[in-house]
């Protein structure tokens, strides 16, 4: 019985969503304000260093604007100067779920985003 409980807890904990922030640098940076973090439409041409990868949970945000705001907030906590989306994929389909006397289903559209948080390198 005890072994079954330990196994159930391990499964539940391993099913938790991953963190949004994947650090690249080992040394932490002081936080900055969200307004300091620029959202770039394309990778910058000026020299930069990637300090982290941002992977917001799929399906958590209703709009791209909400996702970008969350990305900027997370990047600000880690001292980033800017972020840019490295990849973005959208999946569509149909989903059904049921449980505890309720059922739901229908079409869905989810966007998976992967962004880079960067800091500017000093210019010579």
PDB file of N, CA and C in Angstrom:
ATOM      1  N   UNK A   1       0.826  -1.192   0.000  1.00  0.00           N
ATOM      2  CA  UNK A   1       0.000   0.000   0.000  1.00  0.00           C
ATOM      3  C   UNK A   1       0.868   1.252   0.000  1.00  0.00           C
ATOM      4  N   UNK A   2       1.888   1.226   0.846  1.00  0.00           N
ATOM      5  CA  UNK A   2       2.771   2.398   0.930  1.00  0.00           C
ATOM      6  C   UNK A   2       3.481   2.636  -0.393  1.00  0.00           C
ATOM      7  N   UNK A   3       3.894   1.555  -1.028  1.00  0.00           N
ATOM      8  CA  UNK A   3       4.581   1.660  -2.316  1.00  0.00           C
ATOM      9  C   UNK A   3       3.654   2.287  -3.364  1.00  0.00           C
ATOM     10  N   UNK A   4       2.373   1.931  -3.328  1.00  0.00           N
ATOM     11  CA  UNK A   4       1.396   2.494  -4.269  1.00  0.00           C
ATOM     12  C   UNK A   4       1.215   3.987  -4.042  1.00  0.00           C
ATOM     13  N   UNK A   5       1.190   4.419  -2.794  1.00  0.00           N
ATOM     14  CA  UNK A   5       1.055   5.848  -2.488  1.00  0.00           C
ATOM     15  C   UNK A   5       2.267   6.619  -2.979  1.00  0.00           C
ATOM     16  N   UNK A   6       3.455   6.093  -2.736  1.00  0.00           N
ATOM     17  CA  UNK A   6       4.687   6.749  -3.197  1.00  0.00           C
ATOM     18  C   UNK A   6       4.689   6.848  -4.715  1.00  0.00           C
ATOM     19  N   UNK A   7       4.270   5.777  -5.384  1.00  0.00           N
ATOM     20  CA  UNK A   7       4.217   5.789  -6.835  1.00  0.00           C
ATOM     21  C   UNK A   7       3.201   6.816  -7.337  1.00  0.00           C
ATOM     22  N   UNK A   8       2.035   6.909  -6.701  1.00  0.00           N
ATOM     23  CA  UNK A   8       1.015   7.878  -7.102  1.00  0.00           C
ATOM     24  C   UNK A   8       1.519   9.308  -6.937  1.00  0.00           C
ATOM     25  N   UNK A   9       2.189   9.603  -5.836  1.00  0.00           N
ATOM     26  CA  UNK A   9       2.743  10.940  -5.607  1.00  0.00           C
ATOM     27  C   UNK A   9       3.793  11.262  -6.656  1.00  0.00           C
ATOM     28  N   UNK A  10       4.636  10.310  -6.989  1.00  0.00           N
ATOM     29  CA  UNK A  10       5.679  10.525  -8.002  1.00  0.00           C
ATOM     30  C   UNK A  10       5.059  10.834  -9.365  1.00  0.00           C
ATOM     31  N   UNK A  11       4.001  10.126  -9.719  1.00  0.00           N
ATOM     32  CA  UNK A  11       3.329  10.368 -10.998  1.00  0.00           C
ATOM     33  C   UNK A  11       2.703  11.752 -11.014  1.00  0.00           C
ATOM     34  N   UNK A  12       2.039  12.130  -9.938  1.00  0.00           N
ATOM     35  CA  UNK A  12       1.401  13.444  -9.869  1.00  0.00           C
ATOM     36  C   UNK A  12       2.437  14.555  -9.966  1.00  0.00           C
ATOM     37  N   UNK A  13       3.536  14.428  -9.237  1.00  0.00           N
ATOM     38  CA  UNK A  13       4.567  15.468  -9.271  1.00  0.00           C
ATOM     39  C   UNK A  13       5.252  15.540 -10.618  1.00  0.00           C
ATOM     40  N   UNK A  14       5.441  14.418 -11.277  1.00  0.00           N
ATOM     41  CA  UNK A  14       6.099  14.452 -12.582  1.00  0.00           C
ATOM     42  C   UNK A  14       5.176  15.001 -13.656  1.00  0.00           C
ATOM     43  N   UNK A  15       3.872  15.022 -13.421  1.00  0.00           N
ATOM     44  CA  UNK A  15       2.920  15.549 -14.393  1.00  0.00           C
ATOM     45  C   UNK A  15       2.750  17.061 -14.272  1.00  0.00           C
ATOM     46  N   UNK A  16       3.332  17.679 -13.256  1.00  0.00           N
ATOM     47  CA  UNK A  16       3.226  19.131 -13.094  1.00  0.00           C
ATOM     48  C   UNK A  16       3.919  19.831 -14.249  1.00  0.00           C
ATOM     49  N   UNK A  17       3.422  20.980 -14.679  1.00  0.00           N
ATOM     50  CA  UNK A  17       4.041  21.669 -15.798  1.00  0.00           C
ATOM     51  C   UNK A  17       5.441  22.161 -15.454  1.00  0.00           C
ATOM     52  N   UNK A  18       6.266  22.225 -16.476  1.00  0.00           N
ATOM     53  CA  UNK A  18       7.634  22.691 -16.292  1.00  0.00           C
ATOM     54  C   UNK A  18       7.642  24.180 -16.005  1.00  0.00           C
ATOM     55  N   UNK A  19       8.716  24.643 -15.440  1.00  0.00           N
ATOM     56  CA  UNK A  19       8.873  26.064 -15.183  1.00  0.00           C
ATOM     57  C   UNK A  19       8.947  26.825 -16.501  1.00  0.00           C
ATOM     58  N   UNK A  20       8.533  28.090 -16.466  1.00  0.00           N
ATOM     59  CA  UNK A  20       8.587  28.919 -17.664  1.00  0.00           C
ATOM     60  C   UNK A  20      10.024  29.329 -17.978  1.00  0.00           C
ATOM     61  N   UNK A  21      10.871  29.444 -16.967  1.00  0.00           N
ATOM     62  CA  UNK A  21      12.236  29.962 -17.120  1.00  0.00           C
ATOM     63  C   UNK A  21      13.254  28.829 -17.116  1.00  0.00           C
ATOM     64  N   UNK A  22      14.073  28.767 -18.156  1.00  0.00           N
ATOM     65  CA  UNK A  22      15.185  27.820 -18.218  1.00  0.00           C
ATOM     66  C   UNK A  22      16.456  28.663 -18.254  1.00  0.00           C
ATOM     67  N   UNK A  23      17.220  28.695 -17.162  1.00  0.00           N
ATOM     68  CA  UNK A  23      18.396  29.569 -17.133  1.00  0.00           C
ATOM     69  C   UNK A  23      19.518  29.061 -18.035  1.00  0.00           C
ATOM     70  N   UNK A  24      20.210  29.990 -18.650  1.00  0.00           N
ATOM     71  CA  UNK A  24      21.395  29.683 -19.443  1.00  0.00           C
ATOM     72  C   UNK A  24      22.632  30.100 -18.648  1.00  0.00           C
ATOM     73  N   UNK A  25      22.567  31.270 -18.032  1.00  0.00           N
ATOM     74  CA  UNK A  25      23.667  31.752 -17.196  1.00  0.00           C
ATOM     75  C   UNK A  25      23.531  31.171 -15.795  1.00  0.00           C
ATOM     76  N   UNK A  26      24.663  30.962 -15.144  1.00  0.00           N
ATOM     77  CA  UNK A  26      24.615  30.425 -13.781  1.00  0.00           C
ATOM     78  C   UNK A  26      24.526  31.532 -12.737  1.00  0.00           C
ATOM     79  N   UNK A  27      25.073  32.708 -13.030  1.00  0.00           N
ATOM     80  CA  UNK A  27      25.051  33.812 -12.066  1.00  0.00           C
ATOM     81  C   UNK A  27      23.729  34.575 -12.190  1.00  0.00           C
ATOM     82  N   UNK A  28      22.984  34.712 -11.091  1.00  0.00           N
ATOM     83  CA  UNK A  28      21.720  35.458 -11.173  1.00  0.00           C
ATOM     84  C   UNK A  28      21.964  36.946 -11.414  1.00  0.00           C
ATOM     85  N   UNK A  29      21.027  37.572 -12.074  1.00  0.00           N
ATOM     86  CA  UNK A  29      21.069  39.008 -12.342  1.00  0.00           C
ATOM     87  C   UNK A  29      20.002  39.692 -11.503  1.00  0.00           C
ATOM     88  N   UNK A  30      20.220  40.946 -11.142  1.00  0.00           N
ATOM     89  CA  UNK A  30      19.169  41.660 -10.394  1.00  0.00           C
ATOM     90  C   UNK A  30      17.945  41.894 -11.281  1.00  0.00           C
ATOM     91  N   UNK A  31      16.785  41.856 -10.670  1.00  0.00           N
ATOM     92  CA  UNK A  31      15.528  42.074 -11.396  1.00  0.00           C
ATOM     93  C   UNK A  31      15.458  43.502 -11.928  1.00  0.00           C
ATOM     94  N   UNK A  32      14.693  43.667 -12.984  1.00  0.00           N
ATOM     95  CA  UNK A  32      14.429  44.976 -13.575  1.00  0.00           C
ATOM     96  C   UNK A  32      12.914  45.123 -13.697  1.00  0.00           C
ATOM     97  N   UNK A  33      12.464  46.306 -14.066  1.00  0.00           N
ATOM     98  CA  UNK A  33      11.023  46.493 -14.248  1.00  0.00           C
ATOM     99  C   UNK A  33      10.596  45.858 -15.572  1.00  0.00           C
ATOM    100  N   UNK A  34       9.325  45.493 -15.641  1.00  0.00           N
ATOM    101  CA  UNK A  34       8.815  44.907 -16.876  1.00  0.00           C
ATOM    102  C   UNK A  34       8.931  45.899 -18.036  1.00  0.00           C
ATOM    103  N   UNK A  35       8.783  47.196 -17.750  1.00  0.00           N
ATOM    104  CA  UNK A  35       8.883  48.203 -18.801  1.00  0.00           C
ATOM    105  C   UNK A  35      10.289  48.260 -19.394  1.00  0.00           C
ATOM    106  N   UNK A  36      11.289  47.832 -18.639  1.00  0.00           N
ATOM    107  CA  UNK A  36      12.672  47.823 -19.128  1.00  0.00           C
ATOM    108  C   UNK A  36      12.870  46.761 -20.213  1.00  0.00           C
ATOM    109  N   UNK A  37      12.115  45.672 -20.139  1.00  0.00           N
ATOM    110  CA  UNK A  37      12.298  44.536 -21.053  1.00  0.00           C
ATOM    111  C   UNK A  37      11.595  44.829 -22.374  1.00  0.00           C
ATOM    112  N   UNK A  38      12.372  44.927 -23.433  1.00  0.00           N
ATOM    113  CA  UNK A  38      11.831  45.181 -24.764  1.00  0.00           C
ATOM    114  C   UNK A  38      11.319  43.883 -25.380  1.00  0.00           C
ATOM    115  N   UNK A  39      10.239  43.982 -26.145  1.00  0.00           N
ATOM    116  CA  UNK A  39       9.750  42.846 -26.929  1.00  0.00           C
ATOM    117  C   UNK A  39      10.169  43.093 -28.363  1.00  0.00           C
ATOM    118  N   UNK A  40      11.014  42.239 -28.892  1.00  0.00           N
ATOM    119  CA  UNK A  40      11.532  42.387 -30.248  1.00  0.00           C
ATOM    120  C   UNK A  40      10.809  41.428 -31.182  1.00  0.00           C
ATOM    121  N   UNK A  41      10.449  41.899 -32.353  1.00  0.00           N
ATOM    122  CA  UNK A  41       9.764  41.051 -33.328  1.00  0.00           C
ATOM    123  C   UNK A  41      10.712  40.077 -34.012  1.00  0.00           C
ATOM    124  N   UNK A  42      11.982  40.441 -34.086  1.00  0.00           N
ATOM    125  CA  UNK A  42      13.004  39.611 -34.738  1.00  0.00           C
ATOM    126  C   UNK A  42      14.235  39.552 -33.847  1.00  0.00           C
ATOM    127  N   UNK A  43      15.097  38.559 -34.054  1.00  0.00           N
ATOM    128  CA  UNK A  43      16.360  38.550 -33.312  1.00  0.00           C
ATOM    129  C   UNK A  43      17.131  39.837 -33.599  1.00  0.00           C
ATOM    130  N   UNK A  44      17.745  40.412 -32.580  1.00  0.00           N
ATOM    131  CA  UNK A  44      18.442  41.692 -32.783  1.00  0.00           C
ATOM    132  C   UNK A  44      19.714  41.520 -33.600  1.00  0.00           C
ATOM    133  N   UNK A  45      20.139  42.635 -34.206  1.00  0.00           N
ATOM    134  CA  UNK A  45      21.382  42.619 -34.963  1.00  0.00           C
ATOM    135  C   UNK A  45      22.559  43.078 -34.115  1.00  0.00           C
ATOM    136  N   UNK A  46      22.287  43.780 -33.015  1.00  0.00           N
ATOM    137  CA  UNK A  46      23.382  44.209 -32.149  1.00  0.00           C
ATOM    138  C   UNK A  46      23.788  43.057 -31.229  1.00  0.00           C
ATOM    139  N   UNK A  47      25.008  43.064 -30.717  1.00  0.00           N
ATOM    140  CA  UNK A  47      25.504  41.951 -29.902  1.00  0.00           C
ATOM    141  C   UNK A  47      24.696  41.752 -28.611  1.00  0.00           C
ATOM    142  N   UNK A  48      24.406  40.496 -28.308  1.00  0.00           N
ATOM    143  CA  UNK A  48      23.647  40.164 -27.100  1.00  0.00           C
ATOM    144  C   UNK A  48      24.108  38.819 -26.559  1.00  0.00           C
ATOM    145  N   UNK A  49      23.702  38.554 -25.327  1.00  0.00           N
ATOM    146  CA  UNK A  49      23.957  37.273 -24.679  1.00  0.00           C
ATOM    147  C   UNK A  49      22.616  36.713 -24.221  1.00  0.00           C
ATOM    148  N   UNK A  50      22.377  35.455 -24.514  1.00  0.00           N
ATOM    149  CA  UNK A  50      21.147  34.796 -24.067  1.00  0.00           C
ATOM    150  C   UNK A  50      21.340  34.394 -22.608  1.00  0.00           C
ATOM    151  N   UNK A  51      20.408  34.844 -21.746  1.00  0.00           N
ATOM    152  CA  UNK A  51      20.501  34.499 -20.323  1.00  0.00           C
ATOM    153  C   UNK A  51      19.469  33.454 -19.921  1.00  0.00           C
ATOM    154  N   UNK A  52      18.466  33.227 -20.782  1.00  0.00           N
ATOM    155  CA  UNK A  52      17.458  32.232 -20.446  1.00  0.00           C
ATOM    156  C   UNK A  52      16.513  31.957 -21.598  1.00  0.00           C
ATOM    157  N   UNK A  53      15.863  30.814 -21.495  1.00  0.00           N
ATOM    158  CA  UNK A  53      14.836  30.422 -22.451  1.00  0.00           C
ATOM    159  C   UNK A  53      13.499  30.486 -21.720  1.00  0.00           C
ATOM    160  N   UNK A  54      12.505  31.041 -22.383  1.00  0.00           N
ATOM    161  CA  UNK A  54      11.165  31.172 -21.805  1.00  0.00           C
ATOM    162  C   UNK A  54      10.205  30.241 -22.548  1.00  0.00           C
ATOM    163  N   UNK A  55       9.503  29.403 -21.791  1.00  0.00           N
ATOM    164  CA  UNK A  55       8.550  28.470 -22.379  1.00  0.00           C
ATOM    165  C   UNK A  55       7.250  28.519 -21.581  1.00  0.00           C
ATOM    166  N   UNK A  56       6.360  29.453 -21.913  1.00  0.00           N
ATOM    167  CA  UNK A  56       5.100  29.526 -21.165  1.00  0.00           C
ATOM    168  C   UNK A  56       4.254  28.286 -21.404  1.00  0.00           C
ATOM    169  N   UNK A  57       3.445  27.903 -20.424  1.00  0.00           N
ATOM    170  CA  UNK A  57       2.596  26.720 -20.587  1.00  0.00           C
ATOM    171  C   UNK A  57       1.645  26.866 -21.772  1.00  0.00           C
ATOM    172  N   UNK A  58       1.544  25.836 -22.578  1.00  0.00           N
ATOM    173  CA  UNK A  58       0.655  25.837 -23.735  1.00  0.00           C
ATOM    174  C   UNK A  58      -0.793  25.941 -23.280  1.00  0.00           C
ATOM    175  N   UNK A  59      -1.537  26.815 -23.936  1.00  0.00           N
ATOM    176  CA  UNK A  59      -2.961  26.943 -23.668  1.00  0.00           C
ATOM    177  C   UNK A  59      -3.323  27.771 -22.453  1.00  0.00           C
ATOM    178  N   UNK A  60      -2.350  28.358 -21.782  1.00  0.00           N
ATOM    179  CA  UNK A  60      -2.646  29.131 -20.573  1.00  0.00           C
ATOM    180  C   UNK A  60      -3.121  30.545 -20.878  1.00  0.00           C
ATOM    181  N   UNK A  61      -2.749  31.088 -22.036  1.00  0.00           N
ATOM    182  CA  UNK A  61      -3.089  32.465 -22.367  1.00  0.00           C
ATOM    183  C   UNK A  61      -4.056  32.496 -23.543  1.00  0.00           C
ATOM    184  N   UNK A  62      -5.038  33.390 -23.466  1.00  0.00           N
ATOM    185  CA  UNK A  62      -6.053  33.486 -24.517  1.00  0.00           C
ATOM    186  C   UNK A  62      -5.547  34.226 -25.747  1.00  0.00           C
ATOM    187  N   UNK A  63      -4.608  35.154 -25.545  1.00  0.00           N
ATOM    188  CA  UNK A  63      -4.104  35.937 -26.675  1.00  0.00           C
ATOM    189  C   UNK A  63      -2.578  35.954 -26.653  1.00  0.00           C
ATOM    190  N   UNK A  64      -2.015  36.293 -27.788  1.00  0.00           N
ATOM    191  CA  UNK A  64      -0.565  36.416 -27.872  1.00  0.00           C
ATOM    192  C   UNK A  64      -0.082  37.567 -26.984  1.00  0.00           C
ATOM    193  N   UNK A  65      -0.881  38.619 -26.889  1.00  0.00           N
ATOM    194  CA  UNK A  65      -0.507  39.767 -26.053  1.00  0.00           C
ATOM    195  C   UNK A  65      -0.367  39.357 -24.590  1.00  0.00           C
ATOM    196  N   UNK A  66      -1.277  38.508 -24.102  1.00  0.00           N
ATOM    197  CA  UNK A  66      -1.179  38.026 -22.722  1.00  0.00           C
ATOM    198  C   UNK A  66       0.090  37.199 -22.527  1.00  0.00           C
ATOM    199  N   UNK A  67       0.419  36.370 -23.506  1.00  0.00           N
ATOM    200  CA  UNK A  67       1.625  35.543 -23.419  1.00  0.00           C
ATOM    201  C   UNK A  67       2.877  36.415 -23.411  1.00  0.00           C
ATOM    202  N   UNK A  68       2.917  37.425 -24.276  1.00  0.00           N
ATOM    203  CA  UNK A  68       4.080  38.317 -24.337  1.00  0.00           C
ATOM    204  C   UNK A  68       4.240  39.072 -23.021  1.00  0.00           C
ATOM    205  N   UNK A  69       3.134  39.518 -22.444  1.00  0.00           N
ATOM    206  CA  UNK A  69       3.207  40.215 -21.152  1.00  0.00           C
ATOM    207  C   UNK A  69       3.800  39.294 -20.084  1.00  0.00           C
ATOM    208  N   UNK A  70       3.349  38.041 -20.052  1.00  0.00           N
ATOM    209  CA  UNK A  70       3.883  37.083 -19.077  1.00  0.00           C
ATOM    210  C   UNK A  70       5.364  36.804 -19.331  1.00  0.00           C
ATOM    211  N   UNK A  71       5.757  36.728 -20.593  1.00  0.00           N
ATOM    212  CA  UNK A  71       7.171  36.515 -20.939  1.00  0.00           C
ATOM    213  C   UNK A  71       8.018  37.692 -20.458  1.00  0.00           C
ATOM    214  N   UNK A  72       7.537  38.910 -20.696  1.00  0.00           N
ATOM    215  CA  UNK A  72       8.283  40.098 -20.258  1.00  0.00           C
ATOM    216  C   UNK A  72       8.392  40.151 -18.744  1.00  0.00           C
ATOM    217  N   UNK A  73       7.302  39.804 -18.035  1.00  0.00           N
ATOM    218  CA  UNK A  73       7.340  39.803 -16.570  1.00  0.00           C
ATOM    219  C   UNK A  73       8.360  38.801 -16.046  1.00  0.00           C
ATOM    220  N   UNK A  74       8.363  37.601 -16.623  1.00  0.00           N
ATOM    221  CA  UNK A  74       9.314  36.569 -16.186  1.00  0.00           C
ATOM    222  C   UNK A  74      10.748  36.990 -16.504  1.00  0.00           C
ATOM    223  N   UNK A  75      10.963  37.529 -17.697  1.00  0.00           N
ATOM    224  CA  UNK A  75      12.306  37.972 -18.089  1.00  0.00           C
ATOM    225  C   UNK A  75      12.797  39.101 -17.185  1.00  0.00           C
ATOM    226  N   UNK A  76      11.893  39.995 -16.785  1.00  0.00           N
ATOM    227  CA  UNK A  76      12.263  41.103 -15.895  1.00  0.00           C
ATOM    228  C   UNK A  76      12.747  40.584 -14.547  1.00  0.00           C
ATOM    229  N   UNK A  77      12.124  39.531 -14.044  1.00  0.00           N
ATOM    230  CA  UNK A  77      12.549  38.948 -12.768  1.00  0.00           C
ATOM    231  C   UNK A  77      13.992  38.446 -12.822  1.00  0.00           C
ATOM    232  N   UNK A  78      14.468  38.145 -14.028  1.00  0.00           N
ATOM    233  CA  UNK A  78      15.812  37.604 -14.191  1.00  0.00           C
ATOM    234  C   UNK A  78      16.784  38.610 -14.800  1.00  0.00           C
ATOM    235  N   UNK A  79      16.376  39.885 -14.896  1.00  0.00           N
ATOM    236  CA  UNK A  79      17.281  40.942 -15.314  1.00  0.00           C
ATOM    237  C   UNK A  79      17.524  41.056 -16.806  1.00  0.00           C
ATOM    238  N   UNK A  80      16.594  40.633 -17.628  1.00  0.00           N
ATOM    239  CA  UNK A  80      16.776  40.698 -19.085  1.00  0.00           C
ATOM    240  C   UNK A  80      16.578  42.113 -19.609  1.00  0.00           C
ATOM    241  N   UNK A  81      17.234  42.397 -20.725  1.00  0.00           N
ATOM    242  CA  UNK A  81      17.038  43.663 -21.427  1.00  0.00           C
ATOM    243  C   UNK A  81      15.950  43.543 -22.490  1.00  0.00           C
ATOM    244  N   UNK A  82      15.797  42.350 -23.060  1.00  0.00           N
ATOM    245  CA  UNK A  82      14.832  42.154 -24.143  1.00  0.00           C
ATOM    246  C   UNK A  82      14.480  40.677 -24.270  1.00  0.00           C
ATOM    247  N   UNK A  83      13.384  40.431 -24.991  1.00  0.00           N
ATOM    248  CA  UNK A  83      13.004  39.067 -25.358  1.00  0.00           C
ATOM    249  C   UNK A  83      12.624  39.047 -26.822  1.00  0.00           C
ATOM    250  N   UNK A  84      12.774  37.901 -27.452  1.00  0.00           N
ATOM    251  CA  UNK A  84      12.230  37.698 -28.789  1.00  0.00           C
ATOM    252  C   UNK A  84      11.787  36.247 -28.909  1.00  0.00           C
ATOM    253  N   UNK A  85      10.740  36.054 -29.682  1.00  0.00           N
ATOM    254  CA  UNK A  85      10.191  34.711 -29.856  1.00  0.00           C
ATOM    255  C   UNK A  85      11.055  33.967 -30.862  1.00  0.00           C
ATOM    256  N   UNK A  86      11.563  32.837 -30.412  1.00  0.00           N
ATOM    257  CA  UNK A  86      12.420  31.997 -31.251  1.00  0.00           C
ATOM    258  C   UNK A  86      11.580  31.073 -32.135  1.00  0.00           C
ATOM    259  N   UNK A  87      10.512  30.517 -31.559  1.00  0.00           N
ATOM    260  CA  UNK A  87       9.619  29.669 -32.342  1.00  0.00           C
ATOM    261  C   UNK A  87       8.217  29.744 -31.766  1.00  0.00           C
ATOM    262  N   UNK A  88       7.253  29.552 -32.658  1.00  0.00           N
ATOM    263  CA  UNK A  88       5.849  29.601 -32.274  1.00  0.00           C
ATOM    264  C   UNK A  88       5.100  28.631 -33.178  1.00  0.00           C
ATOM    265  N   UNK A  89       4.440  27.650 -32.571  1.00  0.00           N
ATOM    266  CA  UNK A  89       3.668  26.686 -33.342  1.00  0.00           C
ATOM    267  C   UNK A  89       2.239  26.651 -32.816  1.00  0.00           C
ATOM    268  N   UNK A  90       1.319  26.482 -33.733  1.00  0.00           N
ATOM    269  CA  UNK A  90      -0.099  26.411 -33.371  1.00  0.00           C
ATOM    270  C   UNK A  90      -0.627  25.040 -33.758  1.00  0.00           C
ATOM    271  N   UNK A  91      -1.342  24.429 -32.834  1.00  0.00           N
ATOM    272  CA  UNK A  91      -1.971  23.140 -33.127  1.00  0.00           C
ATOM    273  C   UNK A  91      -3.478  23.277 -32.927  1.00  0.00           C
ATOM    274  N   UNK A  92      -4.215  22.586 -33.777  1.00  0.00           N
ATOM    275  CA  UNK A  92      -5.668  22.606 -33.700  1.00  0.00           C
ATOM    276  C   UNK A  92      -6.171  21.175 -33.669  1.00  0.00           C
ATOM    277  N   UNK A  93      -7.332  20.996 -33.089  1.00  0.00           N
ATOM    278  CA  UNK A  93      -7.907  19.660 -33.036  1.00  0.00           C
ATOM    279  C   UNK A  93      -9.196  19.648 -32.260  1.00  0.00           C
ATOM    280  N   UNK A  94      -9.555  18.461 -31.827  1.00  0.00           N
ATOM    281  CA  UNK A  94     -10.776  18.285 -31.056  1.00  0.00           C
ATOM    282  C   UNK A  94     -10.409  17.536 -29.799  1.00  0.00           C
ATOM    283  N   UNK A  95     -11.020  17.931 -28.688  1.00  0.00           N
ATOM    284  CA  UNK A  95     -10.679  17.336 -27.398  1.00  0.00           C
ATOM    285  C   UNK A  95     -11.965  17.062 -26.625  1.00  0.00           C
ATOM    286  N   UNK A  96     -11.960  15.963 -25.870  1.00  0.00           N
ATOM    287  CA  UNK A  96     -13.080  15.599 -25.015  1.00  0.00           C
ATOM    288  C   UNK A  96     -12.530  15.222 -23.655  1.00  0.00           C
ATOM    289  N   UNK A  97     -13.192  15.703 -22.604  1.00  0.00           N
ATOM    290  CA  UNK A  97     -12.793  15.307 -21.253  1.00  0.00           C
ATOM    291  C   UNK A  97     -14.044  15.126 -20.409  1.00  0.00           C
ATOM    292  N   UNK A  98     -13.959  14.209 -19.444  1.00  0.00           N
ATOM    293  CA  UNK A  98     -15.088  13.949 -18.565  1.00  0.00           C
ATOM    294  C   UNK A  98     -14.568  13.609 -17.183  1.00  0.00           C
ATOM    295  N   UNK A  99     -15.353  13.949 -16.202  1.00  0.00           N
ATOM    296  CA  UNK A  99     -14.968  13.611 -14.839  1.00  0.00           C
ATOM    297  C   UNK A  99     -15.932  14.210 -13.838  1.00  0.00           C
ATOM    298  N   UNK A 100     -16.182  13.501 -12.769  1.00  0.00           N
ATOM    299  CA  UNK A 100     -17.036  13.959 -11.665  1.00  0.00           C
ATOM    300  C   UNK A 100     -18.378  14.486 -12.143  1.00  0.00           C
ATOM    301  N   UNK A 101     -19.025  13.747 -13.050  1.00  0.00           N
ATOM    302  CA  UNK A 101     -20.366  14.111 -13.473  1.00  0.00           C
ATOM    303  C   UNK A 101     -20.453  15.205 -14.515  1.00  0.00           C
ATOM    304  N   UNK A 102     -19.340  15.675 -15.022  1.00  0.00           N
ATOM    305  CA  UNK A 102     -19.355  16.725 -16.038  1.00  0.00           C
ATOM    306  C   UNK A 102     -18.518  16.282 -17.230  1.00  0.00           C
ATOM    307  N   UNK A 103     -18.903  16.729 -18.380  1.00  0.00           N
ATOM    308  CA  UNK A 103     -18.159  16.419 -19.602  1.00  0.00           C
ATOM    309  C   UNK A 103     -18.069  17.678 -20.448  1.00  0.00           C
ATOM    310  N   UNK A 104     -16.998  17.772 -21.181  1.00  0.00           N
ATOM    311  CA  UNK A 104     -16.836  18.899 -22.086  1.00  0.00           C
ATOM    312  C   UNK A 104     -16.037  18.442 -23.290  1.00  0.00           C
ATOM    313  N   UNK A 105     -16.151  19.183 -24.352  1.00  0.00           N
ATOM    314  CA  UNK A 105     -15.405  18.840 -25.550  1.00  0.00           C
ATOM    315  C   UNK A 105     -15.611  19.897 -26.598  1.00  0.00           C
ATOM    316  N   UNK A 106     -14.810  19.815 -27.624  1.00  0.00           N
ATOM    317  CA  UNK A 106     -14.940  20.757 -28.716  1.00  0.00           C
ATOM    318  C   UNK A 106     -13.611  21.013 -29.383  1.00  0.00           C
ATOM    319  N   UNK A 107     -13.646  21.915 -30.329  1.00  0.00           N
ATOM    320  CA  UNK A 107     -12.433  22.285 -31.046  1.00  0.00           C
ATOM    321  C   UNK A 107     -11.517  23.086 -30.141  1.00  0.00           C
ATOM    322  N   UNK A 108     -10.227  22.962 -30.383  1.00  0.00           N
ATOM    323  CA  UNK A 108      -9.280  23.774 -29.641  1.00  0.00           C
ATOM    324  C   UNK A 108      -8.190  24.261 -30.584  1.00  0.00           C
ATOM    325  N   UNK A 109      -7.556  25.330 -30.167  1.00  0.00           N
ATOM    326  CA  UNK A 109      -6.413  25.893 -30.891  1.00  0.00           C
ATOM    327  C   UNK A 109      -5.430  26.352 -29.827  1.00  0.00           C
ATOM    328  N   UNK A 110      -4.248  25.758 -29.813  1.00  0.00           N
ATOM    329  CA  UNK A 110      -3.239  26.099 -28.815  1.00  0.00           C
ATOM    330  C   UNK A 110      -1.960  26.544 -29.504  1.00  0.00           C
ATOM    331  N   UNK A 111      -1.321  27.518 -28.899  1.00  0.00           N
ATOM    332  CA  UNK A 111      -0.062  28.018 -29.425  1.00  0.00           C
ATOM    333  C   UNK A 111       1.051  27.718 -28.425  1.00  0.00           C
ATOM    334  N   UNK A 112       2.115  27.125 -28.922  1.00  0.00           N
ATOM    335  CA  UNK A 112       3.290  26.844 -28.110  1.00  0.00           C
ATOM    336  C   UNK A 112       4.364  27.852 -28.483  1.00  0.00           C
ATOM    337  N   UNK A 113       4.902  28.532 -27.468  1.00  0.00           N
ATOM    338  CA  UNK A 113       5.890  29.593 -27.698  1.00  0.00           C
ATOM    339  C   UNK A 113       7.190  29.244 -27.001  1.00  0.00           C
ATOM    340  N   UNK A 114       8.282  29.549 -27.661  1.00  0.00           N
ATOM    341  CA  UNK A 114       9.619  29.442 -27.067  1.00  0.00           C
ATOM    342  C   UNK A 114      10.322  30.755 -27.384  1.00  0.00           C
ATOM    343  N   UNK A 115      10.756  31.449 -26.334  1.00  0.00           N
ATOM    344  CA  UNK A 115      11.391  32.762 -26.520  1.00  0.00           C
ATOM    345  C   UNK A 115      12.753  32.771 -25.838  1.00  0.00           C
ATOM    346  N   UNK A 116      13.576  33.715 -26.239  1.00  0.00           N
ATOM    347  CA  UNK A 116      14.885  33.910 -25.611  1.00  0.00           C
ATOM    348  C   UNK A 116      14.883  35.223 -24.847  1.00  0.00           C
ATOM    349  N   UNK A 117      15.450  35.184 -23.649  1.00  0.00           N
ATOM    350  CA  UNK A 117      15.665  36.392 -22.857  1.00  0.00           C
ATOM    351  C   UNK A 117      17.132  36.752 -23.005  1.00  0.00           C
ATOM    352  N   UNK A 118      17.387  38.017 -23.296  1.00  0.00           N
ATOM    353  CA  UNK A 118      18.759  38.434 -23.601  1.00  0.00           C
ATOM    354  C   UNK A 118      19.158  39.675 -22.817  1.00  0.00           C
ATOM    355  N   UNK A 119      20.452  39.880 -22.750  1.00  0.00           N
ATOM    356  CA  UNK A 119      21.014  41.133 -22.253  1.00  0.00           C
ATOM    357  C   UNK A 119      21.951  41.656 -23.333  1.00  0.00           C
ATOM    358  N   UNK A 120      22.041  42.964 -23.428  1.00  0.00           N
ATOM    359  CA  UNK A 120      22.907  43.588 -24.425  1.00  0.00           C
ATOM    360  C   UNK A 120      24.366  43.476 -23.990  1.00  0.00           C
ATOM    361  N   UNK A 121      25.227  43.185 -24.933  1.00  0.00           N
ATOM    362  CA  UNK A 121      26.673  43.199 -24.669  1.00  0.00           C
ATOM    363  C   UNK A 121      27.162  44.625 -24.791  1.00  0.00           C
ATOM    364  N   UNK A 122      28.151  44.978 -24.006  1.00  0.00           N
ATOM    365  CA  UNK A 122      28.724  46.335 -24.138  1.00  0.00           C
ATOM    366  C   UNK A 122      29.285  46.531 -25.547  1.00  0.00           C
ATOM    367  N   UNK A 123      29.004  47.706 -26.106  1.00  0.00           N
ATOM    368  CA  UNK A 123      29.528  47.996 -27.442  1.00  0.00           C
ATOM    369  C   UNK A 123      30.877  48.673 -27.321  1.00  0.00           C
ATOM    370  N   UNK A 124      31.819  48.286 -28.175  1.00  0.00           N
ATOM    371  CA  UNK A 124      33.168  48.870 -28.087  1.00  0.00           C
ATOM    372  C   UNK A 124      33.200  50.324 -28.458  1.00  0.00           C
TER     373      UNK A 124
END
